[in-house]
C-alpha cells in the first residue's frame, strides 16, 4: 500500500538533487527493461568507468591482416604485424521530464504518477533501442570500411517474403568470414513471413511464449528477435560477438525537481549514449520487396 502522505513529503522537499522514491525508481526500471532488445545484441558495452573524458577511442584489429609464413632453415622469420582501425565514440545526452502537479498528490492520483513514470521509462528504452538498431542498419549497408577502402555490403534482395534460402545465404556469408550467425533480427512484417514457412512451423514449436519478450524462437540455432524499430522490409543476421557496441557515459539517471512558480514537482530522466557498429562484416541484411 502506497503511503500518499509520505510520497507527498518526499516529492515536495527542497533538496534539488534528491533521488525520487525507490518505489518510483523500481517502476521506471521495470518499464525500461520491458521492451529493450538492442542491448542484448551488443558485443561491447562501455560504461562510465571506461570513458575517462567526453569520448572514447575504440581500436579494432583486422582479423585477417597477419599471416604465418614458411621459413627456410637458418632464414630470418618475416615480420608481420596486425593492422588496426580506430574510431571515436562521443556519447550524446538524451532526456525526458514527466511532471506531477501538487493537485495530483493531494487528490491521491497514484495511477497518474505511475503512468507518467512508466511512460518516461518506455520512451527512454525505445530511444536506446533505436540508437542501437539504427547502427545495425548503417553498418550492414556500408560500402567502405573504417579506413576508407571499398567493401561490398553484405546484402540479399529477395522476393516478397523471407525464404529459407535467404536465411542460409546470410549465414553462409558470415561463416565464410569466420563469423558465427548467432542472432536473426526481423521486422514484424518479416516475422509474419517466417511464421508461415511450413518447415519452421513443423520443426520448431518451442518459441518463447511470454508475449512481453521479443525473442520469438530459434532458427538454425540463431535467436530470433522481432522489432518494429527496423524498416519493415529488412531483416538482419549477425554475429552478436562482433557486430555492435555502446558507449554509455551516463546510464539512465533520475532526479527530482520542484517548480514553485507552477506548483509542480517532477522527475528528470537523462542518459548519455552513443551506439555504433563494431565490425560491419559481422552483419548481413536481407531485403524483401
C-alpha atoms as a PDB file:
ATOM      1  CA  UNK A   1       0.000   0.000   0.000  1.00  0.00           C
ATOM      2  CA  UNK A   2       1.464   3.367  -1.062  1.00  0.00           C
ATOM      3  CA  UNK A   3       1.653   5.934   1.724  1.00  0.00           C
ATOM      4  CA  UNK A   4       0.457   9.037  -0.150  1.00  0.00           C
ATOM      5  CA  UNK A   5       1.360  11.362   2.714  1.00  0.00           C
ATOM      6  CA  UNK A   6       4.895  10.013   2.740  1.00  0.00           C
ATOM      7  CA  UNK A   7       5.124  10.265  -1.037  1.00  0.00           C
ATOM      8  CA  UNK A   8       3.899  13.849  -0.960  1.00  0.00           C
ATOM      9  CA  UNK A   9       6.511  14.770   1.653  1.00  0.00           C
ATOM     10  CA  UNK A  10       9.333  13.299  -0.405  1.00  0.00           C
ATOM     11  CA  UNK A  11       8.197  14.865  -3.678  1.00  0.00           C
ATOM     12  CA  UNK A  12       7.941  18.357  -2.157  1.00  0.00           C
ATOM     13  CA  UNK A  13      11.259  18.594  -0.311  1.00  0.00           C
ATOM     14  CA  UNK A  14      13.593  21.448  -1.140  1.00  0.00           C
ATOM     15  CA  UNK A  15      16.733  19.461  -1.953  1.00  0.00           C
ATOM     16  CA  UNK A  16      17.028  19.761  -5.732  1.00  0.00           C
ATOM     17  CA  UNK A  17      19.332  16.774  -6.257  1.00  0.00           C
ATOM     18  CA  UNK A  18      17.492  14.230  -4.108  1.00  0.00           C
ATOM     19  CA  UNK A  19      16.664  10.996  -5.940  1.00  0.00           C
ATOM     20  CA  UNK A  20      12.996  10.138  -6.371  1.00  0.00           C
ATOM     21  CA  UNK A  21      11.499   7.488  -4.061  1.00  0.00           C
ATOM     22  CA  UNK A  22      12.638   3.917  -4.502  1.00  0.00           C
ATOM     23  CA  UNK A  23       9.130   2.833  -5.453  1.00  0.00           C
ATOM     24  CA  UNK A  24       9.111   5.184  -8.446  1.00  0.00           C
ATOM     25  CA  UNK A  25      12.623   4.163  -9.405  1.00  0.00           C
ATOM     26  CA  UNK A  26      11.627   0.491  -9.440  1.00  0.00           C
ATOM     27  CA  UNK A  27       8.618   1.322 -11.586  1.00  0.00           C
ATOM     28  CA  UNK A  28      10.844   3.130 -14.060  1.00  0.00           C
ATOM     29  CA  UNK A  29      13.443   0.385 -14.344  1.00  0.00           C
ATOM     30  CA  UNK A  30      10.731  -2.208 -14.959  1.00  0.00           C
ATOM     31  CA  UNK A  31       9.395  -0.078 -17.821  1.00  0.00           C
ATOM     32  CA  UNK A  32      12.871   0.387 -19.301  1.00  0.00           C
ATOM     33  CA  UNK A  33      13.673  -3.309 -19.310  1.00  0.00           C
ATOM     34  CA  UNK A  34      10.384  -4.487 -20.758  1.00  0.00           C
ATOM     35  CA  UNK A  35      10.925  -3.573 -24.415  1.00  0.00           C
ATOM     36  CA  UNK A  36      14.687  -3.425 -24.862  1.00  0.00           C
ATOM     37  CA  UNK A  37      16.257  -5.855 -27.316  1.00  0.00           C
ATOM     38  CA  UNK A  38      19.121  -3.738 -28.659  1.00  0.00           C
ATOM     39  CA  UNK A  39      21.235  -4.035 -25.519  1.00  0.00           C
ATOM     40  CA  UNK A  40      21.010  -7.820 -25.738  1.00  0.00           C
ATOM     41  CA  UNK A  41      22.729  -7.697 -29.139  1.00  0.00           C
ATOM     42  CA  UNK A  42      25.820  -5.775 -28.006  1.00  0.00           C
ATOM     43  CA  UNK A  43      29.306  -7.191 -28.350  1.00  0.00           C
ATOM     44  CA  UNK A  44      30.748  -4.390 -26.215  1.00  0.00           C
ATOM     45  CA  UNK A  45      29.120  -2.072 -23.684  1.00  0.00           C
ATOM     46  CA  UNK A  46      31.465   0.555 -22.240  1.00  0.00           C
ATOM     47  CA  UNK A  47      30.337   2.197 -19.009  1.00  0.00           C
ATOM     48  CA  UNK A  48      31.288   5.488 -17.319  1.00  0.00           C
ATOM     49  CA  UNK A  49      34.336   3.941 -15.662  1.00  0.00           C
ATOM     50  CA  UNK A  50      35.755   3.118 -19.114  1.00  0.00           C
ATOM     51  CA  UNK A  51      35.101   6.518 -20.706  1.00  0.00           C
ATOM     52  CA  UNK A  52      37.538   8.854 -18.953  1.00  0.00           C
ATOM     53  CA  UNK A  53      36.720  12.012 -20.918  1.00  0.00           C
ATOM     54  CA  UNK A  54      33.798  13.078 -23.089  1.00  0.00           C
ATOM     55  CA  UNK A  55      34.552  10.376 -25.679  1.00  0.00           C
ATOM     56  CA  UNK A  56      36.422   7.119 -26.163  1.00  0.00           C
ATOM     57  CA  UNK A  57      38.607   5.747 -28.963  1.00  0.00           C
ATOM     58  CA  UNK A  58      37.808   2.147 -29.852  1.00  0.00           C
ATOM     59  CA  UNK A  59      40.552   0.110 -31.528  1.00  0.00           C
ATOM     60  CA  UNK A  60      39.768  -2.963 -33.612  1.00  0.00           C
ATOM     61  CA  UNK A  61      42.157  -5.310 -35.390  1.00  0.00           C
ATOM     62  CA  UNK A  62      41.909  -6.578 -38.926  1.00  0.00           C
ATOM     63  CA  UNK A  63      41.176 -10.215 -38.205  1.00  0.00           C
ATOM     64  CA  UNK A  64      42.906 -11.394 -41.411  1.00  0.00           C
ATOM     65  CA  UNK A  65      45.828  -8.958 -41.515  1.00  0.00           C
ATOM     66  CA  UNK A  66      48.650 -11.130 -40.141  1.00  0.00           C
ATOM     67  CA  UNK A  67      49.854 -14.450 -41.527  1.00  0.00           C
ATOM     68  CA  UNK A  68      52.136 -17.344 -40.710  1.00  0.00           C
ATOM     69  CA  UNK A  69      54.990 -17.735 -43.212  1.00  0.00           C
ATOM     70  CA  UNK A  70      57.064 -20.665 -44.351  1.00  0.00           C
ATOM     71  CA  UNK A  71      60.629 -20.124 -43.091  1.00  0.00           C
ATOM     72  CA  UNK A  72      63.676 -21.844 -44.559  1.00  0.00           C
ATOM     73  CA  UNK A  73      66.311 -23.315 -42.271  1.00  0.00           C
ATOM     74  CA  UNK A  74      68.508 -20.526 -40.892  1.00  0.00           C
ATOM     75  CA  UNK A  75      66.428 -17.796 -42.577  1.00  0.00           C
ATOM     76  CA  UNK A  76      65.020 -14.785 -40.801  1.00  0.00           C
ATOM     77  CA  UNK A  77      61.423 -15.063 -39.686  1.00  0.00           C
ATOM     78  CA  UNK A  78      59.415 -12.353 -41.520  1.00  0.00           C
ATOM     79  CA  UNK A  79      57.820  -9.554 -39.517  1.00  0.00           C
ATOM     80  CA  UNK A  80      54.068  -9.439 -39.954  1.00  0.00           C
ATOM     81  CA  UNK A  81      52.095  -7.162 -37.637  1.00  0.00           C
ATOM     82  CA  UNK A  82      48.343  -6.924 -37.238  1.00  0.00           C
ATOM     83  CA  UNK A  83      46.580  -3.945 -38.790  1.00  0.00           C
ATOM     84  CA  UNK A  84      44.371  -1.729 -36.650  1.00  0.00           C
ATOM     85  CA  UNK A  85      41.413   0.581 -37.160  1.00  0.00           C
ATOM     86  CA  UNK A  86      40.302   3.270 -34.700  1.00  0.00           C
ATOM     87  CA  UNK A  87      37.021   5.117 -34.350  1.00  0.00           C
ATOM     88  CA  UNK A  88      35.819   7.623 -31.784  1.00  0.00           C
ATOM     89  CA  UNK A  89      32.554   7.438 -29.847  1.00  0.00           C
ATOM     90  CA  UNK A  90      31.206  10.558 -28.123  1.00  0.00           C
ATOM     91  CA  UNK A  91      28.034   9.974 -26.067  1.00  0.00           C
ATOM     92  CA  UNK A  92      25.118  12.366 -26.555  1.00  0.00           C
ATOM     93  CA  UNK A  93      22.712  13.373 -23.789  1.00  0.00           C
ATOM     94  CA  UNK A  94      19.064  12.308 -24.049  1.00  0.00           C
ATOM     95  CA  UNK A  95      16.297  13.072 -21.608  1.00  0.00           C
ATOM     96  CA  UNK A  96      12.622  13.330 -20.771  1.00  0.00           C
ATOM     97  CA  UNK A  97      10.829  15.161 -17.947  1.00  0.00           C
ATOM     98  CA  UNK A  98       7.466  13.948 -16.625  1.00  0.00           C
ATOM     99  CA  UNK A  99       5.818  16.292 -14.120  1.00  0.00           C
ATOM    100  CA  UNK A 100       3.440  15.777 -11.209  1.00  0.00           C
ATOM    101  CA  UNK A 101       1.161  18.564 -10.045  1.00  0.00           C
ATOM    102  CA  UNK A 102       0.504  19.204  -6.377  1.00  0.00           C
ATOM    103  CA  UNK A 103      -3.177  18.560  -7.083  1.00  0.00           C
ATOM    104  CA  UNK A 104      -2.330  15.052  -8.269  1.00  0.00           C
ATOM    105  CA  UNK A 105      -0.558  14.400  -4.979  1.00  0.00           C
ATOM    106  CA  UNK A 106      -3.305  15.985  -2.891  1.00  0.00           C
ATOM    107  CA  UNK A 107      -6.021  14.035  -4.684  1.00  0.00           C
ATOM    108  CA  UNK A 108      -4.180  10.734  -4.360  1.00  0.00           C
ATOM    109  CA  UNK A 109      -3.806  10.137  -8.107  1.00  0.00           C
ATOM    110  CA  UNK A 110      -1.204   7.384  -7.777  1.00  0.00           C
ATOM    111  CA  UNK A 111      -2.204   5.852 -11.118  1.00  0.00           C
ATOM    112  CA  UNK A 112      -1.274   9.088 -12.891  1.00  0.00           C
ATOM    113  CA  UNK A 113       2.115   9.195 -11.197  1.00  0.00           C
ATOM    114  CA  UNK A 114       2.888   5.593 -12.049  1.00  0.00           C
ATOM    115  CA  UNK A 115       1.680   6.051 -15.629  1.00  0.00           C
ATOM    116  CA  UNK A 116       3.963   9.051 -16.133  1.00  0.00           C
ATOM    117  CA  UNK A 117       6.999   7.218 -14.793  1.00  0.00           C
ATOM    118  CA  UNK A 118       6.272   4.113 -16.858  1.00  0.00           C
ATOM    119  CA  UNK A 119       5.725   6.196 -19.981  1.00  0.00           C
ATOM    120  CA  UNK A 120       9.010   8.055 -19.478  1.00  0.00           C
ATOM    121  CA  UNK A 121      10.874   4.806 -18.939  1.00  0.00           C
ATOM    122  CA  UNK A 122       9.355   3.271 -22.061  1.00  0.00           C
ATOM    123  CA  UNK A 123      10.354   6.290 -24.139  1.00  0.00           C
ATOM    124  CA  UNK A 124      13.948   6.072 -22.900  1.00  0.00           C
ATOM    125  CA  UNK A 125      14.003   2.348 -23.672  1.00  0.00           C
ATOM    126  CA  UNK A 126      12.694   2.910 -27.169  1.00  0.00           C
ATOM    127  CA  UNK A 127      15.275   5.636 -27.784  1.00  0.00           C
ATOM    128  CA  UNK A 128      18.170   3.377 -26.823  1.00  0.00           C
ATOM    129  CA  UNK A 129      16.728   0.577 -28.934  1.00  0.00           C
ATOM    130  CA  UNK A 130      16.503   2.839 -31.971  1.00  0.00           C
ATOM    131  CA  UNK A 131      20.069   4.118 -31.489  1.00  0.00           C
ATOM    132  CA  UNK A 132      21.457   0.573 -31.481  1.00  0.00           C
ATOM    133  CA  UNK A 133      19.280  -0.808 -34.276  1.00  0.00           C
ATOM    134  CA  UNK A 134      19.921   2.243 -36.481  1.00  0.00           C
ATOM    135  CA  UNK A 135      23.619   1.422 -36.256  1.00  0.00           C
ATOM    136  CA  UNK A 136      22.843  -2.143 -37.257  1.00  0.00           C
ATOM    137  CA  UNK A 137      21.215  -0.828 -40.442  1.00  0.00           C
ATOM    138  CA  UNK A 138      24.080   1.623 -41.061  1.00  0.00           C
ATOM    139  CA  UNK A 139      26.829  -0.958 -40.592  1.00  0.00           C
ATOM    140  CA  UNK A 140      25.191  -3.616 -42.759  1.00  0.00           C
ATOM    141  CA  UNK A 141      24.804  -1.173 -45.670  1.00  0.00           C
ATOM    142  CA  UNK A 142      28.350   0.258 -45.586  1.00  0.00           C
ATOM    143  CA  UNK A 143      30.293   0.289 -48.858  1.00  0.00           C
ATOM    144  CA  UNK A 144      33.566   1.492 -47.280  1.00  0.00           C
ATOM    145  CA  UNK A 145      35.430   0.321 -44.191  1.00  0.00           C
ATOM    146  CA  UNK A 146      36.841   2.479 -41.360  1.00  0.00           C
ATOM    147  CA  UNK A 147      39.991   3.101 -43.403  1.00  0.00           C
ATOM    148  CA  UNK A 148      38.027   4.292 -46.448  1.00  0.00           C
ATOM    149  CA  UNK A 149      38.652   1.163 -48.516  1.00  0.00           C
ATOM    150  CA  UNK A 150      35.807  -0.115 -50.678  1.00  0.00           C
ATOM    151  CA  UNK A 151      33.843  -3.117 -49.481  1.00  0.00           C
ATOM    152  CA  UNK A 152      30.782  -4.937 -50.705  1.00  0.00           C
ATOM    153  CA  UNK A 153      27.770  -4.593 -48.453  1.00  0.00           C
ATOM    154  CA  UNK A 154      26.556  -7.975 -47.270  1.00  0.00           C
ATOM    155  CA  UNK A 155      23.026  -7.978 -48.583  1.00  0.00           C
ATOM    156  CA  UNK A 156      20.430 -10.091 -50.352  1.00  0.00           C
ATOM    157  CA  UNK A 157      17.348  -8.697 -52.083  1.00  0.00           C
ATOM    158  CA  UNK A 158      14.784 -11.436 -52.406  1.00  0.00           C
ATOM    159  CA  UNK A 159      11.121 -11.668 -53.252  1.00  0.00           C
ATOM    160  CA  UNK A 160       8.074 -10.521 -51.369  1.00  0.00           C
ATOM    161  CA  UNK A 161       8.781 -12.719 -48.341  1.00  0.00           C
ATOM    162  CA  UNK A 162      11.779 -14.054 -46.420  1.00  0.00           C
ATOM    163  CA  UNK A 163      12.732 -17.567 -47.544  1.00  0.00           C
ATOM    164  CA  UNK A 164      14.868 -20.337 -46.096  1.00  0.00           C
ATOM    165  CA  UNK A 165      17.354 -19.684 -48.906  1.00  0.00           C
ATOM    166  CA  UNK A 166      17.663 -16.026 -47.844  1.00  0.00           C
ATOM    167  CA  UNK A 167      18.453 -17.086 -44.286  1.00  0.00           C
ATOM    168  CA  UNK A 168      21.009 -19.737 -45.195  1.00  0.00           C
ATOM    169  CA  UNK A 169      22.722 -17.401 -47.695  1.00  0.00           C
ATOM    170  CA  UNK A 170      23.163 -14.810 -44.946  1.00  0.00           C
ATOM    171  CA  UNK A 171      24.527 -17.402 -42.551  1.00  0.00           C
ATOM    172  CA  UNK A 172      26.975 -18.741 -45.142  1.00  0.00           C
ATOM    173  CA  UNK A 173      28.242 -15.221 -45.858  1.00  0.00           C
ATOM    174  CA  UNK A 174      29.143 -14.701 -42.198  1.00  0.00           C
ATOM    175  CA  UNK A 175      30.655 -18.177 -41.896  1.00  0.00           C
ATOM    176  CA  UNK A 176      32.867 -17.565 -44.955  1.00  0.00           C
ATOM    177  CA  UNK A 177      34.444 -14.700 -42.995  1.00  0.00           C
ATOM    178  CA  UNK A 178      34.901 -16.874 -39.895  1.00  0.00           C
ATOM    179  CA  UNK A 179      31.948 -15.401 -38.015  1.00  0.00           C
ATOM    180  CA  UNK A 180      29.102 -17.332 -36.439  1.00  0.00           C
ATOM    181  CA  UNK A 181      25.472 -16.433 -37.092  1.00  0.00           C
ATOM    182  CA  UNK A 182      24.054 -16.020 -33.573  1.00  0.00           C
ATOM    183  CA  UNK A 183      21.008 -13.762 -33.970  1.00  0.00           C
ATOM    184  CA  UNK A 184      18.299 -13.060 -36.540  1.00  0.00           C
ATOM    185  CA  UNK A 185      16.575  -9.667 -36.184  1.00  0.00           C
ATOM    186  CA  UNK A 186      13.364  -9.267 -38.141  1.00  0.00           C
ATOM    187  CA  UNK A 187      10.618  -6.716 -38.591  1.00  0.00           C
ATOM    188  CA  UNK A 188       7.025  -7.511 -37.668  1.00  0.00           C
ATOM    189  CA  UNK A 189       6.256  -7.984 -41.355  1.00  0.00           C
ATOM    190  CA  UNK A 190       9.060 -10.488 -41.837  1.00  0.00           C
ATOM    191  CA  UNK A 191       8.258 -12.291 -38.602  1.00  0.00           C
ATOM    192  CA  UNK A 192       4.894 -12.987 -40.185  1.00  0.00           C
ATOM    193  CA  UNK A 193       6.683 -14.423 -43.248  1.00  0.00           C
ATOM    194  CA  UNK A 194       8.718 -16.779 -41.057  1.00  0.00           C
ATOM    195  CA  UNK A 195       5.700 -17.943 -39.098  1.00  0.00           C
ATOM    196  CA  UNK A 196       4.144 -19.055 -42.373  1.00  0.00           C
ATOM    197  CA  UNK A 197       7.086 -21.164 -43.565  1.00  0.00           C
ATOM    198  CA  UNK A 198       5.922 -24.754 -43.118  1.00  0.00           C
ATOM    199  CA  UNK A 199       9.417 -26.054 -42.390  1.00  0.00           C
ATOM    200  CA  UNK A 200       9.735 -23.916 -39.264  1.00  0.00           C
ATOM    201  CA  UNK A 201       6.148 -24.399 -38.164  1.00  0.00           C
ATOM    202  CA  UNK A 202       6.614 -28.163 -38.222  1.00  0.00           C
ATOM    203  CA  UNK A 203      10.216 -28.398 -36.975  1.00  0.00           C
ATOM    204  CA  UNK A 204      10.405 -25.724 -34.304  1.00  0.00           C
ATOM    205  CA  UNK A 205       7.436 -25.313 -31.995  1.00  0.00           C
ATOM    206  CA  UNK A 206       9.462 -24.223 -28.960  1.00  0.00           C
ATOM    207  CA  UNK A 207       9.248 -20.445 -29.356  1.00  0.00           C
ATOM    208  CA  UNK A 208       9.168 -18.268 -26.263  1.00  0.00           C
ATOM    209  CA  UNK A 209       5.561 -17.890 -25.131  1.00  0.00           C
ATOM    210  CA  UNK A 210       5.971 -14.770 -22.965  1.00  0.00           C
ATOM    211  CA  UNK A 211       4.392 -12.012 -25.128  1.00  0.00           C
ATOM    212  CA  UNK A 212       6.306  -9.257 -23.257  1.00  0.00           C
ATOM    213  CA  UNK A 213       9.566 -10.561 -24.710  1.00  0.00           C
ATOM    214  CA  UNK A 214      10.760 -10.025 -28.255  1.00  0.00           C
ATOM    215  CA  UNK A 215      12.562 -13.356 -28.591  1.00  0.00           C
ATOM    216  CA  UNK A 216      10.189 -15.481 -30.649  1.00  0.00           C
ATOM    217  CA  UNK A 217      12.174 -18.689 -31.050  1.00  0.00           C
ATOM    218  CA  UNK A 218      15.213 -20.095 -32.842  1.00  0.00           C
ATOM    219  CA  UNK A 219      16.071 -20.770 -36.484  1.00  0.00           C
ATOM    220  CA  UNK A 220      19.128 -22.855 -37.390  1.00  0.00           C
ATOM    221  CA  UNK A 221      20.444 -22.233 -33.876  1.00  0.00           C
ATOM    222  CA  UNK A 222      20.030 -18.454 -34.115  1.00  0.00           C
ATOM    223  CA  UNK A 223      17.952 -16.481 -31.629  1.00  0.00           C
ATOM    224  CA  UNK A 224      15.130 -14.745 -33.493  1.00  0.00           C
ATOM    225  CA  UNK A 225      14.127 -11.255 -32.363  1.00  0.00           C
ATOM    226  CA  UNK A 226      11.170  -9.270 -33.670  1.00  0.00           C
ATOM    227  CA  UNK A 227      11.068  -5.472 -33.508  1.00  0.00           C
ATOM    228  CA  UNK A 228       9.090  -2.639 -35.058  1.00  0.00           C
ATOM    229  CA  UNK A 229      12.112  -0.313 -34.958  1.00  0.00           C
ATOM    230  CA  UNK A 230      13.815  -1.543 -38.142  1.00  0.00           C
ATOM    231  CA  UNK A 231      12.468  -0.930 -41.645  1.00  0.00           C
ATOM    232  CA  UNK A 232       9.587  -3.276 -42.402  1.00  0.00           C
ATOM    233  CA  UNK A 233      11.250  -4.860 -45.453  1.00  0.00           C
ATOM    234  CA  UNK A 234      14.615  -5.523 -43.766  1.00  0.00           C
ATOM    235  CA  UNK A 235      15.983  -8.333 -41.613  1.00  0.00           C
ATOM    236  CA  UNK A 236      19.494  -8.909 -40.260  1.00  0.00           C
ATOM    237  CA  UNK A 237      21.668 -11.901 -39.452  1.00  0.00           C
ATOM    238  CA  UNK A 238      24.556 -11.030 -37.139  1.00  0.00           C
ATOM    239  CA  UNK A 239      27.369 -12.430 -35.067  1.00  0.00           C
ATOM    240  CA  UNK A 240      26.478 -10.864 -31.730  1.00  0.00           C
ATOM    241  CA  UNK A 241      30.077 -11.151 -30.521  1.00  0.00           C
ATOM    242  CA  UNK A 242      31.376  -8.742 -33.172  1.00  0.00           C
ATOM    243  CA  UNK A 243      28.514  -6.616 -34.533  1.00  0.00           C
ATOM    244  CA  UNK A 244      27.565  -3.698 -32.258  1.00  0.00           C
ATOM    245  CA  UNK A 245      28.848  -1.610 -29.369  1.00  0.00           C
ATOM    246  CA  UNK A 246      27.588   1.072 -26.978  1.00  0.00           C
ATOM    247  CA  UNK A 247      29.377   3.839 -25.108  1.00  0.00           C
ATOM    248  CA  UNK A 248      27.338   4.746 -22.027  1.00  0.00           C
ATOM    249  CA  UNK A 249      28.828   7.756 -20.262  1.00  0.00           C
ATOM    250  CA  UNK A 250      25.728   8.149 -18.079  1.00  0.00           C
ATOM    251  CA  UNK A 251      23.244   5.305 -17.533  1.00  0.00           C
ATOM    252  CA  UNK A 252      19.626   6.336 -17.042  1.00  0.00           C
ATOM    253  CA  UNK A 253      19.693   8.796 -14.140  1.00  0.00           C
ATOM    254  CA  UNK A 254      16.633  10.008 -12.265  1.00  0.00           C
ATOM    255  CA  UNK A 255      16.477  13.214 -10.228  1.00  0.00           C
ATOM    256  CA  UNK A 256      13.644  15.143  -8.623  1.00  0.00           C
ATOM    257  CA  UNK A 257      12.956  18.838  -9.106  1.00  0.00           C
ATOM    258  CA  UNK A 258      10.432  21.440  -7.916  1.00  0.00           C
ATOM    259  CA  UNK A 259       8.951  24.389  -9.767  1.00  0.00           C
ATOM    260  CA  UNK A 260       7.234  26.535  -7.145  1.00  0.00           C
ATOM    261  CA  UNK A 261       6.006  29.099  -9.701  1.00  0.00           C
ATOM    262  CA  UNK A 262       3.899  26.441 -11.431  1.00  0.00           C
ATOM    263  CA  UNK A 263       3.127  24.458  -8.271  1.00  0.00           C
ATOM    264  CA  UNK A 264       4.522  21.262  -9.761  1.00  0.00           C
ATOM    265  CA  UNK A 265       7.088  18.630  -8.903  1.00  0.00           C
ATOM    266  CA  UNK A 266       8.634  16.239 -11.306  1.00  0.00           C
ATOM    267  CA  UNK A 267      11.471  13.970 -12.236  1.00  0.00           C
ATOM    268  CA  UNK A 268      14.158  14.360 -14.872  1.00  0.00           C
ATOM    269  CA  UNK A 269      15.386  11.268 -16.697  1.00  0.00           C
ATOM    270  CA  UNK A 270      18.663  11.629 -18.573  1.00  0.00           C
ATOM    271  CA  UNK A 271      21.300   9.397 -20.135  1.00  0.00           C
ATOM    272  CA  UNK A 272      24.377   9.832 -22.321  1.00  0.00           C
ATOM    273  CA  UNK A 273      24.706   7.211 -25.059  1.00  0.00           C
ATOM    274  CA  UNK A 274      26.498   6.565 -28.312  1.00  0.00           C
ATOM    275  CA  UNK A 275      25.869   3.367 -30.258  1.00  0.00           C
ATOM    276  CA  UNK A 276      27.906   2.179 -33.235  1.00  0.00           C
ATOM    277  CA  UNK A 277      28.519  -0.824 -35.429  1.00  0.00           C
ATOM    278  CA  UNK A 278      31.716  -2.635 -34.450  1.00  0.00           C
ATOM    279  CA  UNK A 279      32.547  -4.915 -37.381  1.00  0.00           C
ATOM    280  CA  UNK A 280      30.297  -4.459 -40.454  1.00  0.00           C
ATOM    281  CA  UNK A 281      31.394  -7.833 -41.825  1.00  0.00           C
ATOM    282  CA  UNK A 282      29.692  -9.478 -38.851  1.00  0.00           C
ATOM    283  CA  UNK A 283      26.228  -8.446 -40.078  1.00  0.00           C
ATOM    284  CA  UNK A 284      24.145  -9.289 -43.128  1.00  0.00           C
ATOM    285  CA  UNK A 285      20.915  -7.690 -44.327  1.00  0.00           C
ATOM    286  CA  UNK A 286      18.027  -9.413 -46.061  1.00  0.00           C
ATOM    287  CA  UNK A 287      15.701  -7.150 -48.046  1.00  0.00           C
ATOM    288  CA  UNK A 288      12.256  -8.110 -49.279  1.00  0.00           C
ATOM    289  CA  UNK A 289      10.385  -6.227 -51.961  1.00  0.00           C
END
